[in-house]
Amino acid sequence: MPDVNWEDAFCGEGNSCYRIGTDELGNSYIAVSGTEEHFLTDSREALVQMIRDIKAGKADHLL
């Protein structure tokens, strides 16, 4: 597993909390809080946009 610097968890109105992080190479990661060993990775821009959409209530049904 890469050495990921995880940010504080983002918890919406549902039961799940999500964390995003980055590694020393600039890769971005997202995981359900508490299960960081199982993560998705993509470009920072893609994950930032996904988080913005989740916070705006556009994509929370997908998670």
Protein backbone atom coordinates (compact mmCIF):
# COMPACT_ATOMS: atom_id res chain seq x y z
CA MET A 1 0.00 0.00 0.00
CA PRO A 2 1.36 3.45 -0.84
CA ASP A 3 2.12 5.90 1.96
CA VAL A 4 -1.05 8.04 1.83
CA ASN A 5 -1.57 11.23 3.84
CA TRP A 6 -5.30 11.03 4.65
CA GLU A 7 -7.35 14.16 5.34
CA ASP A 8 -10.02 14.35 8.02
CA ALA A 9 -13.14 12.37 7.22
CA PHE A 10 -16.06 14.02 5.42
CA CYS A 11 -19.36 12.79 6.83
CA GLY A 12 -22.59 13.65 5.04
CA GLU A 13 -26.09 13.10 6.30
CA GLY A 14 -25.85 9.36 5.67
CA ASN A 15 -24.05 6.71 7.66
CA SER A 16 -20.79 6.64 5.73
CA CYS A 17 -17.79 8.91 6.09
CA TYR A 18 -15.22 9.33 3.34
CA ARG A 19 -11.58 10.36 3.37
CA ILE A 20 -9.39 11.66 0.61
CA GLY A 21 -5.63 11.65 0.62
CA THR A 22 -2.52 12.09 -1.46
CA ASP A 23 0.83 10.36 -1.69
CA GLU A 24 4.32 11.77 -2.22
CA LEU A 25 3.89 11.42 -6.00
CA GLY A 26 0.75 13.58 -6.06
CA ASN A 27 -1.68 10.70 -6.64
CA SER A 28 -5.09 11.10 -5.00
CA TYR A 29 -7.10 8.50 -3.11
CA ILE A 30 -10.60 8.15 -1.68
CA ALA A 31 -11.82 5.56 0.81
CA VAL A 32 -14.62 4.93 3.25
CA SER A 33 -13.36 6.05 6.66
CA GLY A 34 -12.05 3.07 8.60
CA THR A 35 -11.32 1.01 5.49
CA GLU A 36 -8.43 3.00 4.03
CA GLU A 37 -6.69 -0.19 2.89
CA HIS A 38 -9.46 -0.48 0.22
CA PHE A 39 -9.31 2.72 -1.80
CA LEU A 40 -9.92 4.17 -5.24
CA THR A 41 -7.26 6.24 -6.94
CA ASP A 42 -7.49 8.71 -9.80
CA SER A 43 -6.16 12.10 -10.71
CA ARG A 44 -6.46 14.77 -8.05
CA GLU A 45 -8.75 16.80 -10.30
CA ALA A 46 -11.16 13.89 -10.83
CA LEU A 47 -11.41 13.14 -7.11
CA VAL A 48 -11.77 16.81 -6.15
CA GLN A 49 -14.65 17.16 -8.61
CA MET A 50 -16.30 14.02 -7.26
CA ILE A 51 -16.05 15.34 -3.69
CA ARG A 52 -17.53 18.68 -4.79
CA ASP A 53 -20.44 16.86 -6.42
CA ILE A 54 -21.00 14.72 -3.32
CA LYS A 55 -20.99 17.78 -1.05
CA ALA A 56 -23.44 19.49 -3.43
CA GLY A 57 -25.78 16.49 -3.13
CA LYS A 58 -25.38 15.48 -6.77
CA ALA A 59 -23.74 12.09 -6.33
CA ASP A 60 -24.39 10.83 -2.79
CA HIS A 61 -26.79 8.18 -4.10
CA LEU A 62 -23.85 6.57 -5.91
CA LEU A 63 -21.91 6.00 -2.71
